[in-house]
Amino acid sequence: GIPWLMAGPGVPVGQTCDALVQNVDILPTICALCALPVPASVDAG
């Protein structure tokens, strides 16, 4: 149960989320925040 803390444009301030996430979700989340496509090599996140 590793905490995942995020801040920046597009990230709601002071909000918590109890969704089940994994490390493989970090890159797709960052890509979404930056409006970038997820690399084709990323198939699990």
ModelCIF file with pLDDT and N, C-alpha, C, O atoms, coordinates in Angstrom:
data_MODEL
#
_entry.id   MODEL 
#
_entity.id                         1 
_entity.type                       polymer 
_entity.pdbx_number_of_molecules   1 
#
_entity_poly.entity_id                      1 
_entity_poly.type                           'polypeptide(L)' 
_entity_poly.nstd_linkage                   no 
_entity_poly.nstd_monomer                   no 
_entity_poly.pdbx_seq_one_letter_code       GIPWLMAGPGVPVGQTCDALVQNVDILPTICALCALPVPASVDAG 
_entity_poly.pdbx_seq_one_letter_code_can   GIPWLMAGPGVPVGQTCDALVQNVDILPTICALCALPVPASVDAG 
_entity_poly.pdbx_strand_id                 A 
#
loop_
_entity_poly_seq.entity_id 
_entity_poly_seq.num 
_entity_poly_seq.mon_id 
_entity_poly_seq.hetero 
1 1  GLY n 
1 2  ILE n 
1 3  PRO n 
1 4  TRP n 
1 5  LEU n 
1 6  MET n 
1 7  ALA n 
1 8  GLY n 
1 9  PRO n 
1 10 GLY n 
1 11 VAL n 
1 12 PRO n 
1 13 VAL n 
1 14 GLY n 
1 15 GLN n 
1 16 THR n 
1 17 CYS n 
1 18 ASP n 
1 19 ALA n 
1 20 LEU n 
1 21 VAL n 
1 22 GLN n 
1 23 ASN n 
1 24 VAL n 
1 25 ASP n 
1 26 ILE n 
1 27 LEU n 
1 28 PRO n 
1 29 THR n 
1 30 ILE n 
1 31 CYS n 
1 32 ALA n 
1 33 LEU n 
1 34 CYS n 
1 35 ALA n 
1 36 LEU n 
1 37 PRO n 
1 38 VAL n 
1 39 PRO n 
1 40 ALA n 
1 41 SER n 
1 42 VAL n 
1 43 ASP n 
1 44 ALA n 
1 45 GLY n 
#
_struct_asym.id          A 
_struct_asym.entity_id   1 
#
loop_
_ma_qa_metric.id 
_ma_qa_metric.mode 
_ma_qa_metric.name 
_ma_qa_metric.software_group_id 
_ma_qa_metric.type 
1 global pLDDT . pLDDT 
2 local  pLDDT . pLDDT 
#
_ma_qa_metric_global.metric_id      1 
_ma_qa_metric_global.metric_value   86.89 
_ma_qa_metric_global.model_id       1 
_ma_qa_metric_global.ordinal_id     1 
#
loop_
_ma_qa_metric_local.label_asym_id 
_ma_qa_metric_local.label_comp_id 
_ma_qa_metric_local.label_seq_id 
_ma_qa_metric_local.metric_id 
_ma_qa_metric_local.metric_value 
_ma_qa_metric_local.model_id 
_ma_qa_metric_local.ordinal_id 
A GLY 1  2 83.00 1 1  
A ILE 2  2 81.00 1 2  
A PRO 3  2 84.00 1 3  
A TRP 4  2 86.00 1 4  
A LEU 5  2 87.00 1 5  
A MET 6  2 87.00 1 6  
A ALA 7  2 87.00 1 7  
A GLY 8  2 85.00 1 8  
A PRO 9  2 85.00 1 9  
A GLY 10 2 82.00 1 10 
A VAL 11 2 85.00 1 11 
A PRO 12 2 85.00 1 12 
A VAL 13 2 88.00 1 13 
A GLY 14 2 85.00 1 14 
A GLN 15 2 82.00 1 15 
A THR 16 2 82.00 1 16 
A CYS 17 2 81.00 1 17 
A ASP 18 2 81.00 1 18 
A ALA 19 2 83.00 1 19 
A LEU 20 2 87.00 1 20 
A VAL 21 2 87.00 1 21 
A GLN 22 2 86.00 1 22 
A ASN 23 2 87.00 1 23 
A VAL 24 2 88.00 1 24 
A ASP 25 2 91.00 1 25 
A ILE 26 2 90.00 1 26 
A LEU 27 2 93.00 1 27 
A PRO 28 2 93.00 1 28 
A THR 29 2 90.00 1 29 
A ILE 30 2 91.00 1 30 
A CYS 31 2 92.00 1 31 
A ALA 32 2 90.00 1 32 
A LEU 33 2 90.00 1 33 
A CYS 34 2 91.00 1 34 
A ALA 35 2 91.00 1 35 
A LEU 36 2 93.00 1 36 
A PRO 37 2 93.00 1 37 
A VAL 38 2 92.00 1 38 
A PRO 39 2 90.00 1 39 
A ALA 40 2 88.00 1 40 
A SER 41 2 88.00 1 41 
A VAL 42 2 85.00 1 42 
A ASP 43 2 79.00 1 43 
A ALA 44 2 79.00 1 44 
A GLY 45 2 87.00 1 45 
#
loop_
_atom_site.group_PDB 
_atom_site.id 
_atom_site.type_symbol 
_atom_site.label_atom_id 
_atom_site.label_alt_id 
_atom_site.label_comp_id 
_atom_site.label_asym_id 
_atom_site.label_entity_id 
_atom_site.label_seq_id 
_atom_site.pdbx_PDB_ins_code 
_atom_site.Cartn_x 
_atom_site.Cartn_y 
_atom_site.Cartn_z 
_atom_site.occupancy 
_atom_site.B_iso_or_equiv 
_atom_site.pdbx_formal_charge 
_atom_site.auth_seq_id 
_atom_site.auth_comp_id 
_atom_site.auth_asym_id 
_atom_site.auth_atom_id 
_atom_site.pdbx_PDB_model_num 
ATOM 1   N N  . GLY A 1 1  ? 0.813  -1.214 0.000   1.00 83.00 ? 1  GLY A N  1 
ATOM 2   C CA . GLY A 1 1  ? 0.000  0.000  0.000   1.00 83.00 ? 1  GLY A CA 1 
ATOM 3   C C  . GLY A 1 1  ? 0.841  1.256  0.000   1.00 83.00 ? 1  GLY A C  1 
ATOM 4   O O  . GLY A 1 1  ? 0.918  1.951  1.013   1.00 83.00 ? 1  GLY A O  1 
ATOM 5   N N  . ILE A 1 2  ? 1.466  1.553  -1.107  1.00 81.00 ? 2  ILE A N  1 
ATOM 6   C CA . ILE A 1 2  ? 2.378  2.691  -1.209  1.00 81.00 ? 2  ILE A CA 1 
ATOM 7   C C  . ILE A 1 2  ? 1.576  3.950  -1.550  1.00 81.00 ? 2  ILE A C  1 
ATOM 8   O O  . ILE A 1 2  ? 0.827  3.949  -2.527  1.00 81.00 ? 2  ILE A O  1 
ATOM 9   N N  . PRO A 1 3  ? 1.719  5.022  -0.767  1.00 84.00 ? 3  PRO A N  1 
ATOM 10  C CA . PRO A 1 3  ? 1.006  6.263  -1.098  1.00 84.00 ? 3  PRO A CA 1 
ATOM 11  C C  . PRO A 1 3  ? 1.505  6.843  -2.421  1.00 84.00 ? 3  PRO A C  1 
ATOM 12  O O  . PRO A 1 3  ? 2.698  6.797  -2.722  1.00 84.00 ? 3  PRO A O  1 
ATOM 13  N N  . TRP A 1 4  ? 0.591  7.378  -3.188  1.00 86.00 ? 4  TRP A N  1 
ATOM 14  C CA . TRP A 1 4  ? 0.934  8.028  -4.442  1.00 86.00 ? 4  TRP A CA 1 
ATOM 15  C C  . TRP A 1 4  ? 0.450  9.464  -4.326  1.00 86.00 ? 4  TRP A C  1 
ATOM 16  O O  . TRP A 1 4  ? -0.755 9.711  -4.289  1.00 86.00 ? 4  TRP A O  1 
ATOM 17  N N  . LEU A 1 5  ? 1.364  10.400 -4.270  1.00 87.00 ? 5  LEU A N  1 
ATOM 18  C CA . LEU A 1 5  ? 1.041  11.810 -4.129  1.00 87.00 ? 5  LEU A CA 1 
ATOM 19  C C  . LEU A 1 5  ? 1.315  12.517 -5.447  1.00 87.00 ? 5  LEU A C  1 
ATOM 20  O O  . LEU A 1 5  ? 2.364  12.330 -6.064  1.00 87.00 ? 5  LEU A O  1 
ATOM 21  N N  . MET A 1 6  ? 0.348  13.335 -5.870  1.00 87.00 ? 6  MET A N  1 
ATOM 22  C CA . MET A 1 6  ? 0.509  14.077 -7.119  1.00 87.00 ? 6  MET A CA 1 
ATOM 23  C C  . MET A 1 6  ? 0.086  15.517 -6.892  1.00 87.00 ? 6  MET A C  1 
ATOM 24  O O  . MET A 1 6  ? -0.796 15.797 -6.080  1.00 87.00 ? 6  MET A O  1 
ATOM 25  N N  . ALA A 1 7  ? 0.719  16.420 -7.613  1.00 87.00 ? 7  ALA A N  1 
ATOM 26  C CA . ALA A 1 7  ? 0.341  17.831 -7.597  1.00 87.00 ? 7  ALA A CA 1 
ATOM 27  C C  . ALA A 1 7  ? 0.686  18.419 -8.950  1.00 87.00 ? 7  ALA A C  1 
ATOM 28  O O  . ALA A 1 7  ? 1.646  18.001 -9.599  1.00 87.00 ? 7  ALA A O  1 
ATOM 29  N N  . GLY A 1 8  ? -0.106 19.390 -9.367  1.00 85.00 ? 8  GLY A N  1 
ATOM 30  C CA . GLY A 1 8  ? 0.180  20.059 -10.617 1.00 85.00 ? 8  GLY A CA 1 
ATOM 31  C C  . GLY A 1 8  ? -1.081 20.361 -11.382 1.00 85.00 ? 8  GLY A C  1 
ATOM 32  O O  . GLY A 1 8  ? -2.183 20.054 -10.928 1.00 85.00 ? 8  GLY A O  1 
ATOM 33  N N  . PRO A 1 9  ? -0.920 20.969 -12.553 1.00 85.00 ? 9  PRO A N  1 
ATOM 34  C CA . PRO A 1 9  ? -2.085 21.302 -13.380 1.00 85.00 ? 9  PRO A CA 1 
ATOM 35  C C  . PRO A 1 9  ? -2.882 20.041 -13.729 1.00 85.00 ? 9  PRO A C  1 
ATOM 36  O O  . PRO A 1 9  ? -2.321 19.025 -14.139 1.00 85.00 ? 9  PRO A O  1 
ATOM 37  N N  . GLY A 1 10 ? -4.185 20.132 -13.557 1.00 82.00 ? 10 GLY A N  1 
ATOM 38  C CA . GLY A 1 10 ? -5.050 19.000 -13.877 1.00 82.00 ? 10 GLY A CA 1 
ATOM 39  C C  . GLY A 1 10 ? -5.253 18.021 -12.739 1.00 82.00 ? 10 GLY A C  1 
ATOM 40  O O  . GLY A 1 10 ? -6.037 17.080 -12.860 1.00 82.00 ? 10 GLY A O  1 
ATOM 41  N N  . VAL A 1 11 ? -4.541 18.236 -11.612 1.00 85.00 ? 11 VAL A N  1 
ATOM 42  C CA . VAL A 1 11 ? -4.674 17.356 -10.448 1.00 85.00 ? 11 VAL A CA 1 
ATOM 43  C C  . VAL A 1 11 ? -5.504 18.093 -9.400  1.00 85.00 ? 11 VAL A C  1 
ATOM 44  O O  . VAL A 1 11 ? -5.092 19.156 -8.936  1.00 85.00 ? 11 VAL A O  1 
ATOM 45  N N  . PRO A 1 12 ? -6.661 17.556 -9.016  1.00 85.00 ? 12 PRO A N  1 
ATOM 46  C CA . PRO A 1 12 ? -7.486 18.223 -8.005  1.00 85.00 ? 12 PRO A CA 1 
ATOM 47  C C  . PRO A 1 12 ? -6.714 18.415 -6.694  1.00 85.00 ? 12 PRO A C  1 
ATOM 48  O O  . PRO A 1 12 ? -6.028 17.502 -6.235  1.00 85.00 ? 12 PRO A O  1 
ATOM 49  N N  . VAL A 1 13 ? -6.828 19.586 -6.105  1.00 88.00 ? 13 VAL A N  1 
ATOM 50  C CA . VAL A 1 13 ? -6.117 19.931 -4.874  1.00 88.00 ? 13 VAL A CA 1 
ATOM 51  C C  . VAL A 1 13 ? -6.845 19.328 -3.668  1.00 88.00 ? 13 VAL A C  1 
ATOM 52  O O  . VAL A 1 13 ? -8.065 19.432 -3.550  1.00 88.00 ? 13 VAL A O  1 
ATOM 53  N N  . GLY A 1 14 ? -6.074 18.698 -2.777  1.00 85.00 ? 14 GLY A N  1 
ATOM 54  C CA . GLY A 1 14 ? -6.611 18.201 -1.527  1.00 85.00 ? 14 GLY A CA 1 
ATOM 55  C C  . GLY A 1 14 ? -7.518 16.992 -1.632  1.00 85.00 ? 14 GLY A C  1 
ATOM 56  O O  . GLY A 1 14 ? -8.174 16.633 -0.654  1.00 85.00 ? 14 GLY A O  1 
ATOM 57  N N  . GLN A 1 15 ? -7.572 16.370 -2.760  1.00 82.00 ? 15 GLN A N  1 
ATOM 58  C CA . GLN A 1 15 ? -8.460 15.225 -2.957  1.00 82.00 ? 15 GLN A CA 1 
ATOM 59  C C  . GLN A 1 15 ? -7.710 13.920 -2.723  1.00 82.00 ? 15 GLN A C  1 
ATOM 60  O O  . GLN A 1 15 ? -6.531 13.803 -3.056  1.00 82.00 ? 15 GLN A O  1 
ATOM 61  N N  . THR A 1 16 ? -8.391 12.960 -2.158  1.00 82.00 ? 16 THR A N  1 
ATOM 62  C CA . THR A 1 16 ? -7.831 11.620 -2.024  1.00 82.00 ? 16 THR A CA 1 
ATOM 63  C C  . THR A 1 16 ? -8.645 10.674 -2.891  1.00 82.00 ? 16 THR A C  1 
ATOM 64  O O  . THR A 1 16 ? -9.799 10.941 -3.227  1.00 82.00 ? 16 THR A O  1 
ATOM 65  N N  . CYS A 1 17 ? -8.022 9.575  -3.240  1.00 81.00 ? 17 CYS A N  1 
ATOM 66  C CA . CYS A 1 17 ? -8.649 8.585  -4.110  1.00 81.00 ? 17 CYS A CA 1 
ATOM 67  C C  . CYS A 1 17 ? -8.239 7.217  -3.594  1.00 81.00 ? 17 CYS A C  1 
ATOM 68  O O  . CYS A 1 17 ? -7.055 6.969  -3.365  1.00 81.00 ? 17 CYS A O  1 
ATOM 69  N N  . ASP A 1 18 ? -9.192 6.343  -3.413  1.00 81.00 ? 18 ASP A N  1 
ATOM 70  C CA . ASP A 1 18 ? -8.848 5.013  -2.908  1.00 81.00 ? 18 ASP A CA 1 
ATOM 71  C C  . ASP A 1 18 ? -8.927 3.944  -4.002  1.00 81.00 ? 18 ASP A C  1 
ATOM 72  O O  . ASP A 1 18 ? -9.123 2.764  -3.709  1.00 81.00 ? 18 ASP A O  1 
ATOM 73  N N  . ALA A 1 19 ? -8.775 4.355  -5.246  1.00 83.00 ? 19 ALA A N  1 
ATOM 74  C CA . ALA A 1 19 ? -8.790 3.404  -6.364  1.00 83.00 ? 19 ALA A CA 1 
ATOM 75  C C  . ALA A 1 19 ? -7.629 2.424  -6.244  1.00 83.00 ? 19 ALA A C  1 
ATOM 76  O O  . ALA A 1 19 ? -6.561 2.763  -5.735  1.00 83.00 ? 19 ALA A O  1 
ATOM 77  N N  . LEU A 1 20 ? -7.855 1.220  -6.714  1.00 87.00 ? 20 LEU A N  1 
ATOM 78  C CA . LEU A 1 20 ? -6.782 0.230  -6.760  1.00 87.00 ? 20 LEU A CA 1 
ATOM 79  C C  . LEU A 1 20 ? -5.904 0.549  -7.962  1.00 87.00 ? 20 LEU A C  1 
ATOM 80  O O  . LEU A 1 20 ? -6.338 0.410  -9.105  1.00 87.00 ? 20 LEU A O  1 
ATOM 81  N N  . VAL A 1 21 ? -4.680 0.974  -7.709  1.00 87.00 ? 21 VAL A N  1 
ATOM 82  C CA . VAL A 1 21 ? -3.744 1.333  -8.775  1.00 87.00 ? 21 VAL A CA 1 
ATOM 83  C C  . VAL A 1 21 ? -2.459 0.540  -8.593  1.00 87.00 ? 21 VAL A C  1 
ATOM 84  O O  . VAL A 1 21 ? -2.177 0.004  -7.521  1.00 87.00 ? 21 VAL A O  1 
ATOM 85  N N  . GLN A 1 22 ? -1.697 0.483  -9.666  1.00 86.00 ? 22 GLN A N  1 
ATOM 86  C CA . GLN A 1 22 ? -0.403 -0.192 -9.638  1.00 86.00 ? 22 GLN A CA 1 
ATOM 87  C C  . GLN A 1 22 ? 0.645  0.729  -10.238 1.00 86.00 ? 22 GLN A C  1 
ATOM 88  O O  . GLN A 1 22 ? 0.313  1.727  -10.878 1.00 86.00 ? 22 GLN A O  1 
ATOM 89  N N  . ASN A 1 23 ? 1.899  0.393  -10.031 1.00 87.00 ? 23 ASN A N  1 
ATOM 90  C CA . ASN A 1 23 ? 2.993  1.203  -10.566 1.00 87.00 ? 23 ASN A CA 1 
ATOM 91  C C  . ASN A 1 23 ? 2.867  1.411  -12.071 1.00 87.00 ? 23 ASN A C  1 
ATOM 92  O O  . ASN A 1 23 ? 3.258  2.461  -12.581 1.00 87.00 ? 23 ASN A O  1 
ATOM 93  N N  . VAL A 1 24 ? 2.334  0.436  -12.782 1.00 88.00 ? 24 VAL A N  1 
ATOM 94  C CA . VAL A 1 24 ? 2.214  0.565  -14.236 1.00 88.00 ? 24 VAL A CA 1 
ATOM 95  C C  . VAL A 1 24 ? 1.231  1.665  -14.636 1.00 88.00 ? 24 VAL A C  1 
ATOM 96  O O  . VAL A 1 24 ? 1.175  2.039  -15.808 1.00 88.00 ? 24 VAL A O  1 
ATOM 97  N N  . ASP A 1 25 ? 0.454  2.189  -13.683 1.00 91.00 ? 25 ASP A N  1 
ATOM 98  C CA . ASP A 1 25 ? -0.495 3.264  -13.971 1.00 91.00 ? 25 ASP A CA 1 
ATOM 99  C C  . ASP A 1 25 ? 0.153  4.648  -13.913 1.00 91.00 ? 25 ASP A C  1 
ATOM 100 O O  . ASP A 1 25 ? -0.465 5.631  -14.321 1.00 91.00 ? 25 ASP A O  1 
ATOM 101 N N  . ILE A 1 26 ? 1.374  4.738  -13.420 1.00 90.00 ? 26 ILE A N  1 
ATOM 102 C CA . ILE A 1 26 ? 2.015  6.045  -13.261 1.00 90.00 ? 26 ILE A CA 1 
ATOM 103 C C  . ILE A 1 26 ? 2.273  6.704  -14.619 1.00 90.00 ? 26 ILE A C  1 
ATOM 104 O O  . ILE A 1 26 ? 1.874  7.851  -14.822 1.00 90.00 ? 26 ILE A O  1 
ATOM 105 N N  . LEU A 1 27 ? 2.923  6.014  -15.545 1.00 93.00 ? 27 LEU A N  1 
ATOM 106 C CA . LEU A 1 27 ? 3.243  6.621  -16.843 1.00 93.00 ? 27 LEU A CA 1 
ATOM 107 C C  . LEU A 1 27 ? 1.983  7.009  -17.614 1.00 93.00 ? 27 LEU A C  1 
ATOM 108 O O  . LEU A 1 27 ? 1.932  8.127  -18.125 1.00 93.00 ? 27 LEU A O  1 
ATOM 109 N N  . PRO A 1 28 ? 0.971  6.160  -17.728 1.00 93.00 ? 28 PRO A N  1 
ATOM 110 C CA . PRO A 1 28 ? -0.244 6.594  -18.438 1.00 93.00 ? 28 PRO A CA 1 
ATOM 111 C C  . PRO A 1 28 ? -0.914 7.809  -17.781 1.00 93.00 ? 28 PRO A C  1 
ATOM 112 O O  . PRO A 1 28 ? -1.506 8.637  -18.474 1.00 93.00 ? 28 PRO A O  1 
ATOM 113 N N  . THR A 1 29 ? -0.824 7.918  -16.459 1.00 90.00 ? 29 THR A N  1 
ATOM 114 C CA . THR A 1 29 ? -1.403 9.069  -15.775 1.00 90.00 ? 29 THR A CA 1 
ATOM 115 C C  . THR A 1 29 ? -0.622 10.333 -16.110 1.00 90.00 ? 29 THR A C  1 
ATOM 116 O O  . THR A 1 29 ? -1.219 11.374 -16.383 1.00 90.00 ? 29 THR A O  1 
ATOM 117 N N  . ILE A 1 30 ? 0.695  10.253 -16.092 1.00 91.00 ? 30 ILE A N  1 
ATOM 118 C CA . ILE A 1 30 ? 1.529  11.411 -16.436 1.00 91.00 ? 30 ILE A CA 1 
ATOM 119 C C  . ILE A 1 30 ? 1.289  11.814 -17.895 1.00 91.00 ? 30 ILE A C  1 
ATOM 120 O O  . ILE A 1 30 ? 1.198  13.001 -18.206 1.00 91.00 ? 30 ILE A O  1 
ATOM 121 N N  . CYS A 1 31 ? 1.186  10.825 -18.785 1.00 92.00 ? 31 CYS A N  1 
ATOM 122 C CA . CYS A 1 31 ? 0.900  11.134 -20.193 1.00 92.00 ? 31 CYS A CA 1 
ATOM 123 C C  . CYS A 1 31 ? -0.439 11.855 -20.329 1.00 92.00 ? 31 CYS A C  1 
ATOM 124 O O  . CYS A 1 31 ? -0.550 12.815 -21.092 1.00 92.00 ? 31 CYS A O  1 
ATOM 125 N N  . ALA A 1 32 ? -1.448 11.404 -19.599 1.00 90.00 ? 32 ALA A N  1 
ATOM 126 C CA . ALA A 1 32 ? -2.759 12.052 -19.658 1.00 90.00 ? 32 ALA A CA 1 
ATOM 127 C C  . ALA A 1 32 ? -2.680 13.486 -19.141 1.00 90.00 ? 32 ALA A C  1 
ATOM 128 O O  . ALA A 1 32 ? -3.291 14.385 -19.719 1.00 90.00 ? 32 ALA A O  1 
ATOM 129 N N  . LEU A 1 33 ? -1.941 13.707 -18.069 1.00 90.00 ? 33 LEU A N  1 
ATOM 130 C CA . LEU A 1 33 ? -1.791 15.056 -17.529 1.00 90.00 ? 33 LEU A CA 1 
ATOM 131 C C  . LEU A 1 33 ? -1.090 15.987 -18.518 1.00 90.00 ? 33 LEU A C  1 
ATOM 132 O O  . LEU A 1 33 ? -1.370 17.186 -18.550 1.00 90.00 ? 33 LEU A O  1 
ATOM 133 N N  . CYS A 1 34 ? -0.189 15.441 -19.317 1.00 91.00 ? 34 CYS A N  1 
ATOM 134 C CA . CYS A 1 34 ? 0.584  16.236 -20.280 1.00 91.00 ? 34 CYS A CA 1 
ATOM 135 C C  . CYS A 1 34 ? -0.042 16.222 -21.670 1.00 91.00 ? 34 CYS A C  1 
ATOM 136 O O  . CYS A 1 34 ? 0.525  16.783 -22.609 1.00 91.00 ? 34 CYS A O  1 
ATOM 137 N N  . ALA A 1 35 ? -1.195 15.592 -21.810 1.00 91.00 ? 35 ALA A N  1 
ATOM 138 C CA . ALA A 1 35 ? -1.876 15.468 -23.104 1.00 91.00 ? 35 ALA A CA 1 
ATOM 139 C C  . ALA A 1 35 ? -0.975 14.812 -24.149 1.00 91.00 ? 35 ALA A C  1 
ATOM 140 O O  . ALA A 1 35 ? -0.941 15.222 -25.309 1.00 91.00 ? 35 ALA A O  1 
ATOM 141 N N  . LEU A 1 36 ? -0.250 13.788 -23.713 1.00 93.00 ? 36 LEU A N  1 
ATOM 142 C CA . LEU A 1 36 ? 0.627  13.032 -24.603 1.00 93.00 ? 36 LEU A CA 1 
ATOM 143 C C  . LEU A 1 36 ? 0.063  11.619 -24.795 1.00 93.00 ? 36 LEU A C  1 
ATOM 144 O O  . LEU A 1 36 ? -0.609 11.100 -23.903 1.00 93.00 ? 36 LEU A O  1 
ATOM 145 N N  . PRO A 1 37 ? 0.324  11.003 -25.931 1.00 93.00 ? 37 PRO A N  1 
ATOM 146 C CA . PRO A 1 37 ? -0.114 9.621  -26.111 1.00 93.00 ? 37 PRO A CA 1 
ATOM 147 C C  . PRO A 1 37 ? 0.721  8.681  -25.246 1.00 93.00 ? 37 PRO A C  1 
ATOM 148 O O  . PRO A 1 37 ? 1.904  8.921  -25.004 1.00 93.00 ? 37 PRO A O  1 
ATOM 149 N N  . VAL A 1 38 ? 0.094  7.628  -24.796 1.00 92.00 ? 38 VAL A N  1 
ATOM 150 C CA . VAL A 1 38 ? 0.816  6.599  -24.043 1.00 92.00 ? 38 VAL A CA 1 
ATOM 151 C C  . VAL A 1 38 ? 1.644  5.801  -25.048 1.00 92.00 ? 38 VAL A C  1 
ATOM 152 O O  . VAL A 1 38 ? 1.101  5.374  -26.067 1.00 92.00 ? 38 VAL A O  1 
ATOM 153 N N  . PRO A 1 39 ? 2.931  5.585  -24.800 1.00 90.00 ? 39 PRO A N  1 
ATOM 154 C CA . PRO A 1 39 ? 3.750  4.810  -25.739 1.00 90.00 ? 39 PRO A CA 1 
ATOM 155 C C  . PRO A 1 39 ? 3.128  3.429  -26.005 1.00 90.00 ? 39 PRO A C  1 
ATOM 156 O O  . PRO A 1 39 ? 2.539  2.815  -25.116 1.00 90.00 ? 39 PRO A O  1 
ATOM 157 N N  . ALA A 1 40 ? 3.272  2.970  -27.227 1.00 88.00 ? 40 ALA A N  1 
ATOM 158 C CA . ALA A 1 40 ? 2.704  1.682  -27.624 1.00 88.00 ? 40 ALA A CA 1 
ATOM 159 C C  . ALA A 1 40 ? 3.263  0.526  -26.799 1.00 88.00 ? 40 ALA A C  1 
ATOM 160 O O  . ALA A 1 40 ? 2.609  -0.507 -26.648 1.00 88.00 ? 40 ALA A O  1 
ATOM 161 N N  . SER A 1 41 ? 4.465  0.700  -26.268 1.00 88.00 ? 41 SER A N  1 
ATOM 162 C CA . SER A 1 41 ? 5.082  -0.371 -25.480 1.00 88.00 ? 41 SER A CA 1 
ATOM 163 C C  . SER A 1 41 ? 4.435  -0.540 -24.108 1.00 88.00 ? 41 SER A C  1 
ATOM 164 O O  . SER A 1 41 ? 4.686  -1.532 -23.424 1.00 88.00 ? 41 SER A O  1 
ATOM 165 N N  . VAL A 1 42 ? 3.609  0.417  -23.704 1.00 85.00 ? 42 VAL A N  1 
ATOM 166 C CA . VAL A 1 42 ? 2.921  0.347  -22.405 1.00 85.00 ? 42 VAL A CA 1 
ATOM 167 C C  . VAL A 1 42 ? 1.577  -0.325 -22.630 1.00 85.00 ? 42 VAL A C  1 
ATOM 168 O O  . VAL A 1 42 ? 0.662  0.268  -23.203 1.00 85.00 ? 42 VAL A O  1 
ATOM 169 N N  . ASP A 1 43 ? 1.464  -1.570 -22.172 1.00 79.00 ? 43 ASP A N  1 
ATOM 170 C CA . ASP A 1 43 ? 0.227  -2.299 -22.443 1.00 79.00 ? 43 ASP A CA 1 
ATOM 171 C C  . ASP A 1 43 ? -0.588 -2.636 -21.196 1.00 79.00 ? 43 ASP A C  1 
ATOM 172 O O  . ASP A 1 43 ? -1.715 -3.118 -21.312 1.00 79.00 ? 43 ASP A O  1 
ATOM 173 N N  . ALA A 1 44 ? -0.043 -2.394 -20.018 1.00 79.00 ? 44 ALA A N  1 
ATOM 174 C CA . ALA A 1 44 ? -0.743 -2.839 -18.816 1.00 79.00 ? 44 ALA A CA 1 
ATOM 175 C C  . ALA A 1 44 ? -1.307 -1.687 -17.987 1.00 79.00 ? 44 ALA A C  1 
ATOM 176 O O  . ALA A 1 44 ? -2.265 -1.893 -17.241 1.00 79.00 ? 44 ALA A O  1 
ATOM 177 N N  . GLY A 1 45 ? -0.757 -0.510 -18.090 1.00 87.00 ? 45 GLY A N  1 
ATOM 178 C CA . GLY A 1 45 ? -1.186 0.588  -17.238 1.00 87.00 ? 45 GLY A CA 1 
ATOM 179 C C  . GLY A 1 45 ? -2.330 1.375  -17.838 1.00 87.00 ? 45 GLY A C  1 
ATOM 180 O O  . GLY A 1 45 ? -2.803 2.336  -17.232 1.00 87.00 ? 45 GLY A O  1 
#
